[in-house]
Protein backbone atom coordinates (compact mmCIF):
# COMPACT_ATOMS: atom_id res chain seq x y z
CA MET A 1 0.00 0.00 0.00
CA LYS A 2 2.86 2.39 0.83
CA VAL A 3 4.30 1.92 -2.69
CA ILE A 4 0.93 2.75 -4.28
CA GLU A 5 0.52 5.86 -2.11
CA ASP A 6 4.01 7.05 -2.98
CA PHE A 7 3.29 6.51 -6.67
CA ILE A 8 0.05 8.49 -6.53
CA HIS A 9 1.66 11.41 -4.71
CA LYS A 10 4.51 11.84 -7.19
CA GLU A 11 3.94 14.69 -9.62
CA SER A 12 5.25 12.55 -12.44
CA SER A 13 2.64 9.83 -11.89
CA ALA A 14 -0.13 11.60 -13.81
CA GLY A 15 2.13 12.12 -16.81
CA ILE A 16 3.32 8.50 -16.72
CA LEU A 17 -0.28 7.26 -16.61
CA LEU A 18 -1.16 9.47 -19.59
CA ILE A 19 1.72 7.93 -21.54
CA LEU A 20 0.61 4.39 -20.66
CA THR A 21 -3.03 4.98 -21.61
CA THR A 22 -1.94 6.60 -24.87
CA LEU A 23 0.25 3.62 -25.73
CA LEU A 24 -2.59 1.26 -24.84
CA ALA A 25 -4.99 3.18 -27.11
CA LEU A 26 -2.45 3.10 -29.96
CA PHE A 27 -1.94 -0.64 -29.49
CA LEU A 28 -5.66 -1.43 -29.43
CA GLN A 29 -6.41 0.74 -32.48
CA ASN A 30 -3.61 -0.85 -34.51
CA SER A 31 -4.16 -4.48 -33.58
CA PHE A 32 -6.88 -7.08 -34.00
CA PHE A 33 -8.59 -5.37 -31.02
CA SER A 34 -9.41 -2.30 -33.15
CA ASP A 35 -13.07 -3.26 -33.69
CA LEU A 36 -13.53 -3.81 -29.96
CA TYR A 37 -11.82 -0.49 -29.19
CA ASN A 38 -14.01 1.45 -31.65
CA SER A 39 -17.14 -0.28 -30.40
CA PHE A 40 -16.23 0.89 -26.91
CA LEU A 41 -15.78 4.49 -28.13
CA HIS A 42 -19.16 4.51 -29.84
CA THR A 43 -21.14 2.75 -27.12
CA HIS A 44 -24.49 4.55 -26.98
CA VAL A 45 -25.26 6.07 -23.57
CA GLU A 46 -28.58 7.81 -22.95
CA ILE A 47 -30.08 9.69 -19.99
CA ARG A 48 -33.72 10.75 -20.14
CA PHE A 49 -35.94 12.76 -17.77
CA GLY A 50 -39.35 13.07 -19.41
CA ASP A 51 -38.86 15.05 -22.60
CA LEU A 52 -35.30 15.98 -21.68
CA GLN A 53 -32.91 13.56 -23.39
CA ILE A 54 -29.14 13.42 -23.58
CA ALA A 55 -27.96 10.66 -25.93
CA LYS A 56 -24.32 10.47 -26.98
CA PRO A 57 -21.64 7.91 -27.78
CA LEU A 58 -19.23 7.24 -24.91
CA LEU A 59 -16.52 9.30 -26.66
CA LEU A 60 -18.65 12.46 -26.42
CA TRP A 61 -19.73 11.73 -22.84
CA VAL A 62 -16.03 11.86 -21.98
CA ASN A 63 -15.31 14.95 -24.09
CA ASP A 64 -18.42 16.92 -23.12
CA GLY A 65 -19.11 15.53 -19.66
CA LEU A 66 -15.99 14.39 -17.84
CA MET A 67 -13.92 17.17 -19.41
CA ALA A 68 -16.38 19.67 -17.90
CA ILE A 69 -15.17 18.38 -14.51
CA PHE A 70 -11.57 18.89 -15.67
CA PHE A 71 -12.36 22.48 -16.65
CA PHE A 72 -14.16 22.94 -13.32
CA LEU A 73 -10.90 22.01 -11.61
CA VAL A 74 -8.98 24.37 -13.91
CA GLY A 75 -11.42 27.15 -12.99
CA LEU A 76 -10.87 26.50 -9.27
CA GLU A 77 -7.09 26.58 -9.77
CA VAL A 78 -7.27 29.84 -11.74
CA LYS A 79 -9.49 31.44 -9.08
CA ARG A 80 -7.19 30.39 -6.23
CA GLU A 81 -4.03 31.51 -8.02
CA VAL A 82 -5.53 34.90 -8.95
CA LEU A 83 -6.93 35.62 -5.48
CA GLU A 84 -4.09 34.42 -3.29
CA GLY A 85 -1.53 32.43 -5.29
CA HIS A 86 1.16 32.93 -7.89
CA LEU A 87 -1.04 35.17 -10.06
CA SER A 88 -2.24 37.49 -7.28
CA SER A 89 0.03 40.45 -8.09
CA LEU A 90 1.23 42.20 -11.22
CA GLY A 91 4.84 41.31 -10.44
CA GLN A 92 4.02 37.61 -10.18
CA ILE A 93 1.83 37.48 -13.26
CA ALA A 94 4.10 39.52 -15.57
CA LEU A 95 6.57 36.90 -16.82
CA PRO A 96 4.25 33.85 -17.09
CA GLY A 97 1.49 36.07 -18.53
CA ILE A 98 3.69 37.53 -21.26
CA ALA A 99 5.27 34.13 -21.95
CA ALA A 100 1.83 32.48 -22.22
CA LEU A 101 0.73 35.16 -24.68
CA GLY A 102 3.76 34.42 -26.86
CA GLY A 103 3.07 30.71 -26.51
CA MET A 104 -0.38 31.19 -28.00
CA VAL A 105 0.33 33.83 -30.67
CA VAL A 106 3.41 32.35 -32.37
CA PRO A 107 2.10 28.73 -32.76
CA ALA A 108 -1.17 30.10 -34.13
CA LEU A 109 0.70 32.23 -36.67
CA ILE A 110 2.80 29.24 -37.78
CA TYR A 111 -0.34 27.13 -38.24
CA ILE A 112 -2.09 29.94 -40.14
CA ALA A 113 0.97 30.37 -42.37
CA PHE A 114 0.53 26.74 -43.47
CA ASN A 115 -3.27 26.72 -43.71
CA GLY A 116 -4.40 30.28 -44.41
CA SER A 117 -5.84 29.38 -47.82
CA ASP A 118 -8.00 26.47 -46.56
CA SER A 119 -11.05 27.66 -44.62
CA PHE A 120 -11.81 24.25 -43.07
CA ALA A 121 -8.19 23.55 -42.09
CA LEU A 122 -8.03 27.04 -40.58
CA ASN A 123 -10.47 25.87 -37.89
CA GLY A 124 -7.52 24.12 -36.26
CA TRP A 125 -5.45 27.27 -35.66
CA ALA A 126 -5.76 26.92 -31.86
CA ILE A 127 -4.61 23.27 -31.72
CA PRO A 128 -0.88 24.03 -31.22
CA THR A 129 -1.50 26.87 -28.72
CA ALA A 130 -2.20 24.55 -25.75
CA THR A 131 0.11 23.16 -23.05
CA ASP A 132 -0.52 19.94 -21.10
CA ILE A 133 0.33 20.89 -17.52
CA ALA A 134 0.38 17.29 -16.22
CA PHE A 135 2.93 16.15 -18.80
CA ALA A 136 5.12 19.26 -18.56
CA LEU A 137 5.24 19.32 -14.75
CA GLY A 138 5.70 15.54 -14.74
CA ILE A 139 8.87 15.86 -16.82
CA LEU A 140 10.14 18.66 -14.58
CA SER A 141 9.59 16.47 -11.52
CA LEU A 142 11.67 13.69 -13.13
CA LEU A 143 14.60 16.13 -13.15
CA GLY A 144 14.32 16.65 -9.39
CA ASN A 145 16.59 19.35 -7.94
CA ARG A 146 18.19 20.01 -11.33
CA VAL A 147 15.41 22.53 -11.95
CA PRO A 148 14.97 25.41 -9.46
CA VAL A 149 11.61 25.76 -7.74
CA SER A 150 11.14 29.20 -9.33
CA LEU A 151 11.03 27.61 -12.81
CA LYS A 152 8.47 25.03 -11.69
CA ILE A 153 6.30 27.86 -10.38
CA PHE A 154 6.84 29.75 -13.64
CA LEU A 155 5.71 26.76 -15.70
CA MET A 156 2.72 26.11 -13.46
CA ALA A 157 1.58 29.74 -13.67
CA LEU A 158 2.16 29.81 -17.43
CA ALA A 159 0.15 26.62 -17.92
CA ILE A 160 -2.74 27.97 -15.83
CA ILE A 161 -2.82 31.19 -17.88
CA ASP A 162 -2.56 29.01 -21.00
CA ASP A 163 -5.61 27.04 -19.84
CA LEU A 164 -7.48 30.30 -19.26
CA GLY A 165 -6.56 31.33 -22.79
CA ALA A 166 -7.89 28.00 -24.09
CA ILE A 167 -11.18 28.60 -22.24
CA ILE A 168 -11.55 32.02 -23.89
CA ILE A 169 -10.69 30.59 -27.32
CA ILE A 170 -13.26 27.80 -26.96
CA ALA A 171 -15.93 30.29 -25.87
CA LEU A 172 -15.24 32.72 -28.72
CA PHE A 173 -14.31 30.47 -31.64
CA TYR A 174 -15.75 27.00 -31.06
CA THR A 175 -19.38 27.77 -30.36
CA SER A 176 -22.10 26.55 -32.73
CA GLU A 177 -25.61 27.94 -33.29
CA LEU A 178 -27.12 29.10 -30.02
CA SER A 179 -30.42 28.06 -28.45
CA THR A 180 -32.12 31.07 -26.85
CA VAL A 181 -34.11 28.95 -24.37
CA SER A 182 -31.06 27.01 -23.19
CA ILE A 183 -29.01 30.20 -22.87
CA ALA A 184 -31.80 31.68 -20.74
CA VAL A 185 -31.82 28.62 -18.44
CA ALA A 186 -28.01 28.73 -18.16
CA SER A 187 -28.16 32.45 -17.32
CA ALA A 188 -30.78 31.77 -14.63
CA ALA A 189 -28.60 29.00 -13.17
CA LEU A 190 -25.61 31.36 -13.07
CA ALA A 191 -27.76 34.00 -11.35
CA VAL A 192 -28.80 31.47 -8.70
CA LEU A 193 -25.17 30.45 -8.16
CA PHE A 194 -24.15 34.10 -7.82
CA VAL A 195 -26.88 34.75 -5.22
CA MET A 196 -25.84 31.62 -3.31
CA ASN A 197 -22.25 32.85 -3.30
CA ARG A 198 -23.23 36.32 -2.05
CA MET A 199 -25.49 34.79 0.62
CA LYS A 200 -22.50 32.71 1.73
CA VAL A 201 -24.23 29.34 1.30
CA ALA A 202 -21.72 26.97 2.91
CA ARG A 203 -22.94 23.58 1.62
CA LYS A 204 -21.54 21.93 -1.49
CA ALA A 205 -24.71 20.05 -2.52
CA PRO A 206 -26.70 23.12 -3.68
CA TYR A 207 -23.80 24.28 -5.84
CA ILE A 208 -23.46 20.81 -7.39
CA LEU A 209 -27.20 20.49 -8.12
CA VAL A 210 -27.44 23.94 -9.74
CA GLY A 211 -24.15 23.19 -11.50
CA ILE A 212 -25.70 20.11 -13.12
CA VAL A 213 -28.60 22.25 -14.39
CA LEU A 214 -26.03 24.72 -15.72
CA TRP A 215 -24.09 21.96 -17.50
CA VAL A 216 -27.19 20.47 -19.16
CA SER A 217 -28.42 23.89 -20.32
CA VAL A 218 -25.01 24.85 -21.69
CA LEU A 219 -24.75 21.45 -23.41
CA LYS A 220 -28.09 22.10 -25.12
CA SER A 221 -27.29 25.76 -25.88
CA GLY A 222 -24.62 25.36 -28.56
CA VAL A 223 -21.86 26.71 -26.31
CA HIS A 224 -19.36 23.95 -25.48
CA ALA A 225 -20.43 22.19 -22.29
CA THR A 226 -16.97 22.32 -20.69
CA LEU A 227 -17.39 26.08 -20.20
CA ALA A 228 -20.12 25.32 -17.65
CA GLY A 229 -17.41 23.81 -15.45
CA VAL A 230 -15.39 27.03 -15.54
CA ALA A 231 -18.43 29.22 -14.83
CA LEU A 232 -19.41 27.02 -11.86
CA ALA A 233 -15.86 27.17 -10.46
CA PHE A 234 -15.89 30.96 -10.44
CA MET A 235 -19.08 30.87 -8.31
CA ILE A 236 -17.68 28.57 -5.62
CA PRO A 237 -16.83 30.58 -2.45
CA MET A 238 -13.19 30.85 -1.47
CA VAL A 239 -14.07 31.46 2.21
CA SER A 240 -17.09 30.04 4.02
CA LYS A 241 -18.23 29.38 7.59
CA ASP A 242 -19.82 26.18 8.84
CA LYS A 243 -22.63 25.94 11.42
CA GLU A 244 -20.15 26.16 14.27
CA GLY A 245 -18.66 29.35 12.86
CA ASN A 246 -15.42 27.74 11.73
CA THR A 247 -13.85 29.22 8.59
CA PHE A 248 -13.03 26.92 5.68
CA SER A 249 -12.44 27.21 1.93
CA MET A 250 -15.03 25.33 -0.10
CA ALA A 251 -13.12 26.04 -3.31
CA LYS A 252 -9.88 24.59 -1.94
CA GLU A 253 -11.67 21.54 -0.51
CA MET A 254 -13.35 20.79 -3.84
CA GLU A 255 -10.06 21.35 -5.70
CA HIS A 256 -8.32 18.90 -3.37
CA ASP A 257 -11.12 16.32 -3.64
CA LEU A 258 -11.14 16.45 -7.46
CA HIS A 259 -7.40 16.56 -8.09
CA TYR A 260 -6.71 12.82 -8.07
CA TRP A 261 -9.96 11.94 -9.85
CA VAL A 262 -8.99 14.29 -12.69
CA ALA A 263 -5.31 13.34 -12.78
CA PHE A 264 -5.73 9.58 -12.45
CA PHE A 265 -9.11 8.89 -14.05
CA ILE A 266 -10.58 11.67 -16.20
CA LEU A 267 -7.46 12.75 -18.12
CA PRO A 268 -6.17 9.18 -18.68
CA LEU A 269 -9.64 8.14 -19.88
CA PHE A 270 -9.73 11.18 -22.18
CA ALA A 271 -6.31 10.23 -23.56
CA PHE A 272 -7.46 6.62 -24.01
CA VAL A 273 -10.55 7.51 -26.07
CA ASN A 274 -8.90 10.28 -28.11
CA ALA A 275 -5.34 9.10 -28.74
CA GLY A 276 -6.20 5.89 -30.58
CA VAL A 277 -4.65 6.92 -33.88
CA ASP A 278 -4.97 4.32 -36.66
CA LEU A 279 -1.40 4.37 -37.96
CA ARG A 280 -2.33 1.87 -40.66
CA SER A 281 -4.52 4.46 -42.39
CA ILE A 282 -1.84 7.15 -42.51
CA GLU A 283 0.38 7.44 -45.56
CA PRO A 284 3.84 8.95 -44.77
CA LYS A 285 3.19 11.74 -47.29
CA GLU A 286 0.06 12.74 -45.35
CA MET A 287 2.27 13.85 -42.46
CA LEU A 288 3.75 16.45 -44.83
CA GLY A 289 0.31 17.99 -45.35
CA THR A 290 -0.33 21.55 -44.25
CA VAL A 291 -2.46 20.62 -41.22
CA PRO A 292 -0.04 18.06 -39.67
CA MET A 293 2.97 20.30 -40.40
CA GLY A 294 1.20 23.33 -38.95
CA ILE A 295 0.41 21.38 -35.77
CA MET A 296 3.84 19.75 -35.35
CA LEU A 297 5.86 22.90 -36.06
CA GLY A 298 3.40 25.01 -34.10
CA LEU A 299 3.89 22.84 -31.01
CA PHE A 300 7.60 22.14 -31.28
CA LEU A 301 8.90 25.42 -32.76
CA GLY A 302 6.06 27.87 -32.19
CA LYS A 303 5.66 27.26 -28.47
CA GLN A 304 9.36 27.48 -27.65
CA LEU A 305 9.91 30.54 -29.84
CA GLY A 306 6.84 32.29 -28.47
CA VAL A 307 7.40 31.50 -24.79
CA PHE A 308 11.17 32.08 -24.78
CA GLY A 309 11.08 35.04 -27.19
CA PHE A 310 8.38 36.93 -25.31
CA SER A 311 10.06 36.06 -21.97
CA TRP A 312 13.41 37.40 -23.26
CA LEU A 313 11.77 40.65 -24.36
CA ALA A 314 9.95 41.05 -21.03
CA ILE A 315 13.12 40.49 -19.02
CA LYS A 316 15.36 42.67 -21.22
CA THR A 317 12.86 45.55 -21.16
CA GLY A 318 12.51 45.36 -17.37
CA LEU A 319 8.88 44.24 -17.36
CA ALA A 320 9.83 41.00 -15.58
CA LYS A 321 12.81 39.23 -14.01
CA LEU A 322 14.51 35.93 -14.79
CA PRO A 323 13.18 33.31 -12.32
CA LYS A 324 15.37 33.07 -9.23
CA ASP A 325 18.39 30.73 -9.37
CA SER A 326 17.71 29.86 -13.02
CA SER A 327 19.74 30.39 -16.17
CA TRP A 328 18.70 31.44 -19.67
CA MET A 329 19.31 27.89 -20.89
CA GLN A 330 17.02 26.48 -18.21
CA LEU A 331 14.32 28.99 -19.14
CA TYR A 332 14.70 27.90 -22.75
CA GLY A 333 14.37 24.23 -21.74
CA VAL A 334 11.10 25.00 -19.95
CA ALA A 335 9.91 26.93 -23.02
CA VAL A 336 10.51 23.82 -25.13
CA LEU A 337 8.46 21.74 -22.66
CA THR A 338 5.44 24.00 -23.22
CA GLY A 339 5.21 22.39 -26.68
CA ILE A 340 3.69 19.35 -24.98
CA GLY A 341 0.11 20.02 -26.03
CA PHE A 342 -1.24 16.46 -25.82
CA THR A 343 -4.59 16.32 -23.95
CA MET A 344 -5.48 20.00 -24.44
CA SER A 345 -4.44 19.93 -28.10
CA LEU A 346 -6.41 16.72 -28.69
CA PHE A 347 -9.42 18.36 -27.07
CA VAL A 348 -9.22 21.48 -29.25
CA ASP A 349 -8.66 19.22 -32.29
CA SER A 350 -11.94 17.41 -31.54
CA LEU A 351 -13.72 20.78 -31.47
CA ALA A 352 -11.99 22.18 -34.56
CA PHE A 353 -12.73 19.21 -36.82
CA ASN A 354 -15.87 17.90 -35.06
CA ASP A 355 -14.26 14.50 -34.35
CA THR A 356 -14.27 13.72 -38.07
CA GLN A 357 -11.39 11.85 -39.71
CA VAL A 358 -10.96 14.24 -42.63
CA TYR A 359 -7.19 14.01 -42.20
CA HIS A 360 -7.15 10.25 -41.53
CA PHE A 361 -5.69 10.66 -38.03
CA ALA A 362 -2.69 12.63 -39.37
CA ASP A 363 -3.78 15.65 -37.29
CA LYS A 364 -3.83 13.62 -34.06
CA LEU A 365 -0.55 11.89 -34.86
CA ALA A 366 0.97 15.33 -35.43
CA ILE A 367 -0.10 16.32 -31.90
CA LEU A 368 1.51 13.19 -30.45
CA LEU A 369 4.74 13.67 -32.42
CA GLY A 370 5.01 17.40 -31.67
CA SER A 371 4.36 16.79 -27.97
CA PHE A 372 6.76 13.83 -27.79
CA LEU A 373 9.55 15.79 -29.50
CA SER A 374 9.01 18.79 -27.21
CA GLY A 375 9.15 16.57 -24.13
CA ILE A 376 12.33 14.74 -25.12
CA VAL A 377 14.24 17.84 -26.29
CA GLY A 378 13.07 19.94 -23.32
CA TYR A 379 14.15 17.22 -20.89
CA LEU A 380 17.60 16.89 -22.47
CA ILE A 381 18.17 20.66 -22.51
CA LEU A 382 17.28 20.97 -18.83
CA LYS A 383 19.44 18.01 -17.87
CA ILE A 384 22.47 19.32 -19.78
CA SER A 385 22.05 22.96 -18.71
CA LYS A 386 22.02 22.05 -15.04
CA SER A 387 25.13 19.88 -15.38
CA SER A 388 27.02 22.64 -17.18
CA THR A 389 26.48 25.09 -14.29
CA LYS A 390 28.05 22.88 -11.65
């Protein structure tokens, strides 16, 4: 039992589990188990309450349902960091904020440069702008004391801002036709949550129940359902008092309770159902297409150039400072690690191309290759740069 507990509490565990589930999905999709794997993905699941019906294949229950819980956790993390964490002051937010901006702008420009003439392909411009915080922090943890704590904090803050950017992008650019009735119900649910927050309701159950109504209404509205998770998170009180008058943080308690469920169940399951790329259907020349090249180069080159370039400008102009006890080479190594898009990039890919296989899995393989290359190169740079400073 002690070994299992130690494994779960290691930061690298979530990243390792993501790798294992990805490899399992790749094996199943490219073996005689492929029919069984695809049948699992498209298992029909239906929930009905009178005339209200939600019927989706298992793949979409994961992408629309379980990922809403992931974004709820992201929302709680953003709220905590902004109110009292590493994003609570201008000085703390300057470097990761500017770096995150560069890490979104430059990859998007690289992708657009490849696909500007194809309106459908252009839907994927946001795919290489994402960073997978579990993978990136997992690799940093494998390096132990070779990487200063200040750089780990920098990467964590950058990834959180990156997630916030992804939320805004999804809300603005990946929303379909809107249902007025569903939007009205969602707005009413948000109003109820706001009133509960202001009245200092200190029980979790009411927030969860209204949150479910919010999720269903957003799901039916045309806005992506995962945004309901973020909106709910922002309504959870940071400070509450129980019946005995004791102060506690509902937001922090819920963040703590959800952390392991998200890291060790939801994200691995998401990787399992989305990373099953059929390598047999991909011709080598397809990987040289504009969409795969835009994704791969956006992740591997765009992220490092954007994050490091914007960080360099911010530090040289005095807007920010180099993280304590770190070198320029170490900062560059961390910038390379931000090219690990993986789960977030796969998620945006599913929105951009509506889970179709227009590119015969070449787009998803490009995400895996770009992320893998960023992880390996970033790890080697950080390992070498630390050794050279001894």
